[in-house]
Amino acid sequence: MQTRDERKTSLWDGWNSPPNLVTYSRIVLVLIFIGFDIAAGAWGAQNVGMRWTAAVLFVIAASTDKLDGWMARTYNQVTELGKLMDPIADKLLILATLVVASAFGEVYWWVTVLFIIRELGITVMRFFVIDTGGKVIAASQAGKYKTLTECIGLAMLLAPVWSLAADGSDATWVNVYNIATQVIIYIALVLCLYSGGEYLVNTFGRRAAASSADDNQSA
């Protein structure tokens, strides 16, 4: 029979809390955003209006990440499900954007593949931790910086600023903007890989420490 403390830490406790409902809404918003992004074509060449719409939806979806986190902390509604679903919603938004961008030739595939390997690997690790009775480890500071730079870089990538250039997409400021966008995306990639390694160290470090403590007690 489950004890009271075990029920408190159940994955499904608070599944319908307001912060989690915001997270679910973000996932739906991501699907809508992807539809506009694909319909707009590479760099928004097929439909600039749809590309701008996709960029705005991306910013809204990314910004609400802070909303559900703030709500959870402010109203003491932090749940295991929320700690799991929140990064999944982030990963869905980021990886879907990167895959479409690579398909359109806007981002190198090797960059997207590295993002995918890291993000999916950490997600699988989170499920492994839960399945073996552990608690979900919240995002580290490096992970938060990673998410921030990803969002900034991809938002810049999505915005079809070339359409604002009076003298065409070859304007100097447009080229500088595009270079800055790529630099931010590469910084996000570095932070992505670093924070992934940090998560692995923290996860296995805690489990090793717990195992060592159990061994000492049994001895």
Protein backbone atom coordinates (compact mmCIF):
# COMPACT_ATOMS: atom_id res chain seq x y z
CA MET A 1 0.00 0.00 0.00
CA GLN A 2 1.29 3.47 -0.88
CA THR A 3 2.14 5.74 1.98
CA ARG A 4 1.00 9.34 2.14
CA ASP A 5 4.49 10.59 1.24
CA GLU A 6 4.62 8.33 -1.83
CA ARG A 7 1.29 9.69 -3.06
CA LYS A 8 2.61 13.22 -2.72
CA THR A 9 5.46 12.49 -5.10
CA SER A 10 3.36 10.61 -7.67
CA LEU A 11 4.08 11.67 -11.26
CA TRP A 12 0.39 12.39 -11.87
CA ASP A 13 -0.19 14.55 -8.80
CA GLY A 14 -1.36 17.98 -9.94
CA TRP A 15 -1.70 16.97 -13.60
CA ASN A 16 -4.54 19.50 -14.04
CA SER A 17 -2.91 22.37 -12.16
CA PRO A 18 -2.95 25.78 -13.93
CA PRO A 19 0.81 25.72 -14.68
CA ASN A 20 0.49 22.30 -16.31
CA LEU A 21 -2.52 23.46 -18.34
CA VAL A 22 -0.36 26.29 -19.67
CA THR A 23 2.28 23.71 -20.63
CA TYR A 24 -0.30 21.63 -22.52
CA SER A 25 -1.46 24.79 -24.33
CA ARG A 26 2.12 25.48 -25.38
CA ILE A 27 2.32 22.04 -27.01
CA VAL A 28 -0.85 22.75 -29.03
CA LEU A 29 0.56 26.15 -29.98
CA VAL A 30 3.73 24.49 -31.27
CA LEU A 31 1.70 22.38 -33.68
CA ILE A 32 -0.08 25.48 -35.02
CA PHE A 33 3.23 27.32 -35.35
CA ILE A 34 4.80 24.48 -37.34
CA GLY A 35 1.88 24.56 -39.77
CA PHE A 36 2.47 28.24 -40.52
CA ASP A 37 6.24 27.76 -40.71
CA ILE A 38 6.00 24.96 -43.28
CA ALA A 39 3.36 26.77 -45.32
CA ALA A 40 5.56 29.89 -45.49
CA GLY A 41 8.39 28.02 -47.21
CA ALA A 42 12.15 28.51 -46.92
CA TRP A 43 12.95 31.93 -45.45
CA GLY A 44 9.26 32.77 -45.88
CA ALA A 45 9.68 33.12 -49.63
CA GLN A 46 6.33 31.51 -50.42
CA ASN A 47 4.34 33.62 -47.96
CA VAL A 48 6.02 36.35 -45.93
CA GLY A 49 2.89 36.96 -43.87
CA MET A 50 2.77 33.35 -42.74
CA ARG A 51 6.45 33.46 -41.86
CA TRP A 52 5.93 36.53 -39.69
CA THR A 53 2.96 34.77 -38.08
CA ALA A 54 5.12 31.72 -37.42
CA ALA A 55 7.80 33.92 -35.85
CA VAL A 56 5.25 35.60 -33.55
CA LEU A 57 3.75 32.24 -32.54
CA PHE A 58 7.24 30.94 -31.79
CA VAL A 59 7.94 33.90 -29.51
CA ILE A 60 4.60 33.43 -27.72
CA ALA A 61 5.21 29.69 -27.25
CA ALA A 62 8.74 30.32 -25.99
CA SER A 63 7.69 33.15 -23.67
CA THR A 64 4.96 31.15 -21.96
CA ASP A 65 7.68 28.81 -20.73
CA LYS A 66 8.43 31.46 -18.13
CA LEU A 67 4.72 31.82 -17.36
CA ASP A 68 4.10 28.24 -16.28
CA GLY A 69 7.35 28.15 -14.33
CA TRP A 70 6.48 31.41 -12.56
CA MET A 71 2.98 30.17 -11.75
CA ALA A 72 4.30 26.88 -10.40
CA ARG A 73 6.79 28.58 -8.09
CA THR A 74 4.58 31.48 -7.01
CA TYR A 75 1.56 29.38 -6.13
CA ASN A 76 3.54 26.40 -4.85
CA GLN A 77 2.26 24.13 -7.63
CA VAL A 78 5.54 22.58 -8.72
CA THR A 79 4.83 18.96 -9.72
CA GLU A 80 6.90 16.06 -10.99
CA LEU A 81 4.76 16.00 -14.14
CA GLY A 82 5.34 19.70 -14.65
CA LYS A 83 9.11 19.30 -14.28
CA LEU A 84 8.93 16.56 -16.91
CA MET A 85 6.46 18.12 -19.38
CA ASP A 86 7.90 21.63 -19.31
CA PRO A 87 11.26 20.67 -20.88
CA ILE A 88 9.46 18.30 -23.27
CA ALA A 89 7.35 21.23 -24.51
CA ASP A 90 10.55 23.24 -24.93
CA LYS A 91 12.23 20.42 -26.83
CA LEU A 92 9.24 19.95 -29.11
CA LEU A 93 9.27 23.64 -29.99
CA ILE A 94 13.04 23.85 -30.52
CA LEU A 95 13.56 20.56 -32.35
CA ALA A 96 10.55 20.97 -34.63
CA THR A 97 11.81 24.43 -35.58
CA LEU A 98 15.31 23.12 -36.25
CA VAL A 99 14.10 20.19 -38.36
CA VAL A 100 11.98 22.45 -40.56
CA ALA A 101 14.83 24.97 -40.80
CA SER A 102 17.27 22.25 -41.89
CA ALA A 103 14.77 20.87 -44.39
CA PHE A 104 14.57 24.40 -45.83
CA GLY A 105 18.37 24.76 -45.87
CA GLU A 106 18.39 27.48 -43.21
CA VAL A 107 20.44 25.50 -40.65
CA TYR A 108 23.03 22.79 -41.29
CA TRP A 109 21.70 19.29 -40.65
CA TRP A 110 24.69 18.36 -38.48
CA VAL A 111 23.74 21.18 -36.10
CA THR A 112 20.15 19.93 -35.88
CA VAL A 113 21.27 16.32 -35.42
CA LEU A 114 23.49 17.27 -32.47
CA PHE A 115 20.59 19.14 -30.88
CA ILE A 116 18.31 16.13 -31.42
CA ILE A 117 20.79 13.62 -29.97
CA ARG A 118 21.28 15.71 -26.85
CA GLU A 119 17.64 16.62 -26.29
CA LEU A 120 16.19 13.17 -26.91
CA GLY A 121 18.97 11.55 -24.91
CA ILE A 122 18.26 13.70 -21.87
CA THR A 123 14.51 13.13 -22.23
CA VAL A 124 15.04 9.36 -22.24
CA MET A 125 17.27 9.79 -19.20
CA ARG A 126 14.51 11.68 -17.39
CA PHE A 127 12.06 8.84 -18.02
CA PHE A 128 14.71 6.36 -16.83
CA VAL A 129 15.12 8.28 -13.59
CA ILE A 130 11.36 8.22 -13.01
CA ASP A 131 11.04 4.56 -13.94
CA THR A 132 13.70 3.58 -11.41
CA GLY A 133 12.03 5.49 -8.61
CA GLY A 134 14.02 8.70 -8.71
CA LYS A 135 12.86 12.29 -8.94
CA VAL A 136 13.12 14.41 -12.07
CA ILE A 137 16.15 16.69 -11.87
CA ALA A 138 15.19 20.24 -12.72
CA ALA A 139 17.01 22.18 -15.44
CA SER A 140 20.43 23.55 -14.44
CA GLN A 141 21.51 27.16 -14.91
CA ALA A 142 23.44 26.19 -18.04
CA GLY A 143 20.31 24.46 -19.33
CA LYS A 144 18.30 27.62 -18.78
CA TYR A 145 20.87 29.68 -20.67
CA LYS A 146 20.76 27.07 -23.41
CA THR A 147 17.01 27.42 -23.73
CA LEU A 148 17.26 31.22 -23.76
CA THR A 149 19.87 31.33 -26.52
CA GLU A 150 18.00 28.70 -28.54
CA CYS A 151 14.84 30.78 -28.40
CA ILE A 152 16.61 34.02 -29.29
CA GLY A 153 18.56 32.47 -32.16
CA LEU A 154 15.59 30.64 -33.67
CA ALA A 155 13.27 33.62 -33.26
CA MET A 156 15.81 35.71 -35.19
CA LEU A 157 16.04 32.97 -37.81
CA LEU A 158 12.28 32.80 -38.24
CA ALA A 159 11.80 36.53 -38.63
CA PRO A 160 11.96 37.30 -42.40
CA VAL A 161 13.82 40.58 -41.91
CA TRP A 162 14.93 40.51 -45.54
CA SER A 163 11.41 41.62 -46.43
CA LEU A 164 12.05 44.90 -44.58
CA ALA A 165 15.14 45.77 -46.62
CA ALA A 166 14.34 48.52 -49.09
CA ASP A 167 17.25 47.54 -51.35
CA GLY A 168 16.67 43.78 -51.20
CA SER A 169 17.86 40.86 -49.09
CA ASP A 170 21.52 41.61 -49.89
CA ALA A 171 21.51 44.74 -47.72
CA THR A 172 24.53 44.92 -45.40
CA TRP A 173 22.44 45.05 -42.23
CA VAL A 174 20.53 41.96 -43.33
CA ASN A 175 23.80 40.06 -43.81
CA VAL A 176 25.05 41.19 -40.39
CA TYR A 177 21.72 40.11 -38.87
CA ASN A 178 21.99 36.67 -40.48
CA ILE A 179 25.56 36.19 -39.23
CA ALA A 180 24.55 37.21 -35.69
CA THR A 181 21.67 34.73 -35.87
CA GLN A 182 23.96 31.84 -36.78
CA VAL A 183 26.47 32.79 -34.05
CA ILE A 184 23.72 32.71 -31.40
CA ILE A 185 22.52 29.32 -32.64
CA TYR A 186 26.07 27.92 -32.36
CA ILE A 187 26.39 29.34 -28.84
CA ALA A 188 23.12 27.59 -28.01
CA LEU A 189 24.56 24.35 -29.39
CA VAL A 190 27.62 24.60 -27.15
CA LEU A 191 25.43 25.28 -24.11
CA CYS A 192 23.16 22.42 -25.19
CA LEU A 193 26.00 19.89 -25.20
CA TYR A 194 27.56 21.26 -22.01
CA SER A 195 24.30 21.23 -20.03
CA GLY A 196 23.58 17.72 -21.32
CA GLY A 197 26.90 16.49 -19.96
CA GLU A 198 26.21 18.30 -16.72
CA TYR A 199 22.84 16.58 -16.39
CA LEU A 200 24.41 13.16 -16.91
CA VAL A 201 27.07 13.84 -14.29
CA ASN A 202 24.49 15.08 -11.78
CA THR A 203 22.15 12.16 -12.43
CA PHE A 204 24.71 9.38 -12.15
CA GLY A 205 26.55 11.22 -9.38
CA ARG A 206 23.44 11.31 -7.20
CA ARG A 207 22.62 7.68 -7.90
CA ALA A 208 26.20 6.63 -7.13
CA ALA A 209 26.15 8.63 -3.90
CA ALA A 210 22.80 7.12 -2.89
CA SER A 211 24.06 3.62 -3.67
CA SER A 212 27.21 4.22 -1.66
CA ALA A 213 25.16 5.49 1.28
CA ASP A 214 22.93 2.42 1.18
CA ASP A 215 25.97 0.14 1.10
CA ASN A 216 27.46 1.91 4.11
CA GLN A 217 24.20 1.58 6.05
CA SER A 218 23.89 -2.11 5.24
CA ALA A 219 27.48 -2.65 6.27
